[in-house]
Structures are given as structure tokens and as C-alpha cells.
Amino acid sequence: MRNPAPLLLLVFFLLAAGGLPGGAAAQRGPLVGGYAKIKDVKDPHIKEIGKYAVSENNKQTGGNLAFVRVVSGRQQVVAG
């Protein structure tokens, strides 16, 4: 009879690494502390953050950049 230890180790590592495709890990959503793509870059709050970032950059550098639009972005997922 073959030794089942290698197969058991493989299953353990798959589950520890996030599970099998379609399992419970795939349904949880983004990893806390990780990054996720911003789904709606036209959201007014996202535009407000972009304008603020450009304004603060101009204050700190003496620059004269102008906010036009958000093309893409990522957000950090935090608990709470």
C-alpha cells in the first residue's frame, strides 16, 4: 500500500494557501491588508480624493498640476 502522507500534505498546503478554486476562500473577498482594484473610478468620493492629492502635491512642491480625472487605482482593504 502506498504512503498517503504526500497527498495529505498537498491537501493541507492547498487549504492553507487559500483553498481550492470555488471553495470558501474564493467567497471571502479581498485579503485584509491587501489591495483591490477600484471598481468605479468615476465615484465622486474617488474624484475628491484625486483632487485633494493633486492640491497637496502642489502645496508641497510649489507645482502647478491640475486634476483632470482618475484613470485607474487600487485601494487597500483594512479591517473596520
N, C-alpha and C. Protein backbone atom coordinates (compact mmCIF):
# COMPACT_ATOMS: atom_id res chain seq x y z
N MET A 1 0.83 -1.18 0.00
CA MET A 1 0.00 0.00 0.00
C MET A 1 0.88 1.25 0.00
N ARG A 2 0.48 2.25 -0.77
CA ARG A 2 1.25 3.48 -0.89
C ARG A 2 1.09 4.35 0.35
N ASN A 3 2.08 5.18 0.60
CA ASN A 3 2.07 6.09 1.75
C ASN A 3 1.18 7.30 1.42
N PRO A 4 0.12 7.58 2.21
CA PRO A 4 -0.78 8.70 1.91
C PRO A 4 -0.24 10.05 2.38
N ALA A 5 0.91 10.09 3.04
CA ALA A 5 1.44 11.34 3.59
C ALA A 5 1.63 12.43 2.53
N PRO A 6 2.24 12.16 1.37
CA PRO A 6 2.41 13.24 0.38
C PRO A 6 1.08 13.84 -0.08
N LEU A 7 0.08 13.00 -0.25
CA LEU A 7 -1.23 13.51 -0.67
C LEU A 7 -1.86 14.36 0.43
N LEU A 8 -1.74 13.93 1.65
CA LEU A 8 -2.28 14.70 2.77
C LEU A 8 -1.57 16.04 2.91
N LEU A 9 -0.26 16.06 2.71
CA LEU A 9 0.49 17.32 2.77
C LEU A 9 0.05 18.27 1.67
N LEU A 10 -0.16 17.74 0.47
CA LEU A 10 -0.62 18.57 -0.65
C LEU A 10 -1.97 19.21 -0.33
N VAL A 11 -2.90 18.43 0.17
CA VAL A 11 -4.22 18.95 0.53
C VAL A 11 -4.09 20.01 1.62
N PHE A 12 -3.27 19.75 2.62
CA PHE A 12 -3.06 20.73 3.69
C PHE A 12 -2.55 22.05 3.15
N PHE A 13 -1.52 22.00 2.27
CA PHE A 13 -0.95 23.23 1.73
C PHE A 13 -1.94 23.97 0.83
N LEU A 14 -2.74 23.24 0.07
CA LEU A 14 -3.76 23.90 -0.75
C LEU A 14 -4.76 24.64 0.12
N LEU A 15 -5.19 24.01 1.19
CA LEU A 15 -6.15 24.66 2.09
C LEU A 15 -5.53 25.83 2.83
N ALA A 16 -4.29 25.69 3.24
CA ALA A 16 -3.60 26.77 3.95
C ALA A 16 -3.34 27.96 3.04
N ALA A 17 -3.16 27.71 1.74
CA ALA A 17 -2.85 28.78 0.79
C ALA A 17 -4.10 29.45 0.24
N GLY A 18 -5.27 29.10 0.73
CA GLY A 18 -6.46 29.77 0.25
C GLY A 18 -7.51 28.83 -0.27
N GLY A 19 -7.26 27.58 -0.24
CA GLY A 19 -8.29 26.64 -0.64
C GLY A 19 -8.28 26.31 -2.11
N LEU A 20 -9.14 25.43 -2.44
CA LEU A 20 -9.31 25.02 -3.83
C LEU A 20 -10.20 26.02 -4.56
N PRO A 21 -10.09 26.16 -5.87
CA PRO A 21 -10.94 27.10 -6.60
C PRO A 21 -12.42 26.82 -6.34
N GLY A 22 -13.16 27.89 -6.09
CA GLY A 22 -14.60 27.75 -5.84
C GLY A 22 -14.92 27.40 -4.41
N GLY A 23 -13.90 27.26 -3.57
CA GLY A 23 -14.12 26.92 -2.17
C GLY A 23 -14.48 28.15 -1.35
N ALA A 24 -14.50 27.98 -0.04
CA ALA A 24 -14.88 29.06 0.86
C ALA A 24 -13.94 30.24 0.76
N ALA A 25 -12.65 30.00 0.49
CA ALA A 25 -11.69 31.10 0.40
C ALA A 25 -12.00 32.01 -0.77
N ALA A 26 -12.53 31.46 -1.85
CA ALA A 26 -12.84 32.27 -3.02
C ALA A 26 -14.05 33.16 -2.77
N GLN A 27 -14.86 32.85 -1.77
CA GLN A 27 -16.06 33.62 -1.50
C GLN A 27 -15.85 34.71 -0.45
N ARG A 28 -14.71 34.73 0.20
CA ARG A 28 -14.46 35.68 1.29
C ARG A 28 -14.23 37.10 0.83
N GLY A 29 -13.68 37.31 -0.32
CA GLY A 29 -13.37 38.65 -0.79
C GLY A 29 -11.89 38.95 -0.62
N PRO A 30 -11.51 40.23 -0.76
CA PRO A 30 -10.11 40.61 -0.71
C PRO A 30 -9.49 40.33 0.66
N LEU A 31 -8.22 40.07 0.66
CA LEU A 31 -7.46 39.81 1.88
C LEU A 31 -7.27 41.11 2.64
N VAL A 32 -7.56 41.11 3.94
CA VAL A 32 -7.38 42.31 4.76
C VAL A 32 -5.91 42.69 4.73
N GLY A 33 -5.65 43.97 4.47
CA GLY A 33 -4.28 44.46 4.35
C GLY A 33 -3.78 44.41 2.91
N GLY A 34 -4.49 43.69 2.05
CA GLY A 34 -4.10 43.60 0.65
C GLY A 34 -4.71 44.74 -0.16
N TYR A 35 -4.49 44.72 -1.43
CA TYR A 35 -5.00 45.77 -2.31
C TYR A 35 -6.03 45.20 -3.27
N ALA A 36 -7.01 46.03 -3.60
CA ALA A 36 -8.04 45.65 -4.56
C ALA A 36 -8.22 46.78 -5.55
N LYS A 37 -8.57 46.44 -6.77
CA LYS A 37 -8.79 47.44 -7.81
C LYS A 37 -10.03 48.28 -7.47
N ILE A 38 -9.94 49.58 -7.70
CA ILE A 38 -11.09 50.46 -7.50
C ILE A 38 -12.06 50.19 -8.63
N LYS A 39 -13.27 49.80 -8.29
CA LYS A 39 -14.25 49.38 -9.30
C LYS A 39 -14.83 50.55 -10.08
N ASP A 40 -15.13 51.67 -9.40
CA ASP A 40 -15.77 52.81 -10.06
C ASP A 40 -14.92 54.05 -9.88
N VAL A 41 -14.04 54.32 -10.84
CA VAL A 41 -13.16 55.49 -10.73
C VAL A 41 -13.92 56.80 -10.95
N LYS A 42 -15.18 56.72 -11.37
CA LYS A 42 -15.99 57.93 -11.55
C LYS A 42 -16.80 58.28 -10.31
N ASP A 43 -16.65 57.50 -9.25
CA ASP A 43 -17.31 57.76 -7.98
C ASP A 43 -16.89 59.15 -7.48
N PRO A 44 -17.82 60.00 -7.05
CA PRO A 44 -17.49 61.35 -6.59
C PRO A 44 -16.46 61.36 -5.45
N HIS A 45 -16.50 60.39 -4.57
CA HIS A 45 -15.53 60.34 -3.47
C HIS A 45 -14.12 60.07 -4.00
N ILE A 46 -14.00 59.23 -5.01
CA ILE A 46 -12.70 58.94 -5.60
C ILE A 46 -12.16 60.19 -6.29
N LYS A 47 -13.02 60.93 -6.99
CA LYS A 47 -12.61 62.18 -7.63
C LYS A 47 -12.14 63.19 -6.59
N GLU A 48 -12.86 63.27 -5.48
CA GLU A 48 -12.50 64.19 -4.40
C GLU A 48 -11.10 63.86 -3.85
N ILE A 49 -10.83 62.59 -3.67
CA ILE A 49 -9.51 62.17 -3.18
C ILE A 49 -8.42 62.53 -4.18
N GLY A 50 -8.70 62.35 -5.47
CA GLY A 50 -7.73 62.71 -6.51
C GLY A 50 -7.44 64.19 -6.52
N LYS A 51 -8.48 65.01 -6.41
CA LYS A 51 -8.29 66.47 -6.37
C LYS A 51 -7.48 66.88 -5.15
N TYR A 52 -7.76 66.25 -4.01
CA TYR A 52 -7.03 66.55 -2.79
C TYR A 52 -5.55 66.20 -2.96
N ALA A 53 -5.27 65.04 -3.53
CA ALA A 53 -3.88 64.60 -3.71
C ALA A 53 -3.10 65.57 -4.59
N VAL A 54 -3.72 66.04 -5.68
CA VAL A 54 -3.05 66.99 -6.57
C VAL A 54 -2.84 68.32 -5.85
N SER A 55 -3.84 68.77 -5.10
CA SER A 55 -3.73 70.03 -4.36
C SER A 55 -2.59 69.97 -3.33
N GLU A 56 -2.53 68.88 -2.58
CA GLU A 56 -1.47 68.73 -1.58
C GLU A 56 -0.09 68.64 -2.24
N ASN A 57 -0.01 67.96 -3.37
CA ASN A 57 1.27 67.88 -4.09
C ASN A 57 1.71 69.28 -4.51
N ASN A 58 0.77 70.08 -5.02
CA ASN A 58 1.11 71.44 -5.45
C ASN A 58 1.59 72.28 -4.28
N LYS A 59 0.96 72.14 -3.11
CA LYS A 59 1.37 72.89 -1.92
C LYS A 59 2.78 72.52 -1.49
N GLN A 60 3.08 71.22 -1.51
CA GLN A 60 4.37 70.75 -1.01
C GLN A 60 5.51 70.98 -1.99
N THR A 61 5.22 70.99 -3.27
CA THR A 61 6.29 71.11 -4.26
C THR A 61 6.32 72.47 -4.95
N GLY A 62 5.28 73.28 -4.72
CA GLY A 62 5.20 74.55 -5.44
C GLY A 62 4.82 74.33 -6.90
N GLY A 63 4.31 73.16 -7.20
CA GLY A 63 3.95 72.81 -8.57
C GLY A 63 2.65 73.45 -9.00
N ASN A 64 2.29 73.22 -10.24
CA ASN A 64 1.08 73.79 -10.80
C ASN A 64 0.33 72.71 -11.59
N LEU A 65 0.21 71.52 -10.98
CA LEU A 65 -0.52 70.45 -11.64
C LEU A 65 -2.02 70.70 -11.54
N ALA A 66 -2.77 70.14 -12.47
CA ALA A 66 -4.23 70.27 -12.45
C ALA A 66 -4.85 68.88 -12.50
N PHE A 67 -5.84 68.64 -11.66
CA PHE A 67 -6.55 67.37 -11.67
C PHE A 67 -7.47 67.32 -12.89
N VAL A 68 -7.43 66.21 -13.62
CA VAL A 68 -8.30 66.03 -14.78
C VAL A 68 -9.29 64.90 -14.50
N ARG A 69 -8.78 63.70 -14.23
CA ARG A 69 -9.64 62.56 -13.94
C ARG A 69 -8.82 61.42 -13.36
N VAL A 70 -9.51 60.48 -12.75
CA VAL A 70 -8.87 59.26 -12.25
C VAL A 70 -9.01 58.22 -13.35
N VAL A 71 -7.91 57.64 -13.77
CA VAL A 71 -7.92 56.65 -14.84
C VAL A 71 -8.04 55.25 -14.25
N SER A 72 -7.31 54.97 -13.20
CA SER A 72 -7.37 53.68 -12.52
C SER A 72 -6.78 53.84 -11.13
N GLY A 73 -6.99 52.85 -10.31
CA GLY A 73 -6.43 52.92 -8.97
C GLY A 73 -6.64 51.64 -8.21
N ARG A 74 -5.94 51.55 -7.08
CA ARG A 74 -6.09 50.42 -6.17
C ARG A 74 -6.31 50.98 -4.77
N GLN A 75 -7.06 50.25 -4.00
CA GLN A 75 -7.31 50.67 -2.62
C GLN A 75 -6.89 49.56 -1.67
N GLN A 76 -6.44 49.98 -0.49
CA GLN A 76 -6.04 48.98 0.50
C GLN A 76 -7.24 48.59 1.32
N VAL A 77 -7.42 47.30 1.50
CA VAL A 77 -8.53 46.77 2.28
C VAL A 77 -8.08 46.69 3.73
N VAL A 78 -8.82 47.37 4.62
CA VAL A 78 -8.47 47.35 6.04
C VAL A 78 -9.66 46.85 6.85
N ALA A 79 -9.39 46.31 8.01
CA ALA A 79 -10.46 45.83 8.89
C ALA A 79 -11.11 47.03 9.58
N GLY A 80 -12.42 47.05 9.62
CA GLY A 80 -13.12 48.12 10.30
C GLY A 80 -13.46 49.16 9.35
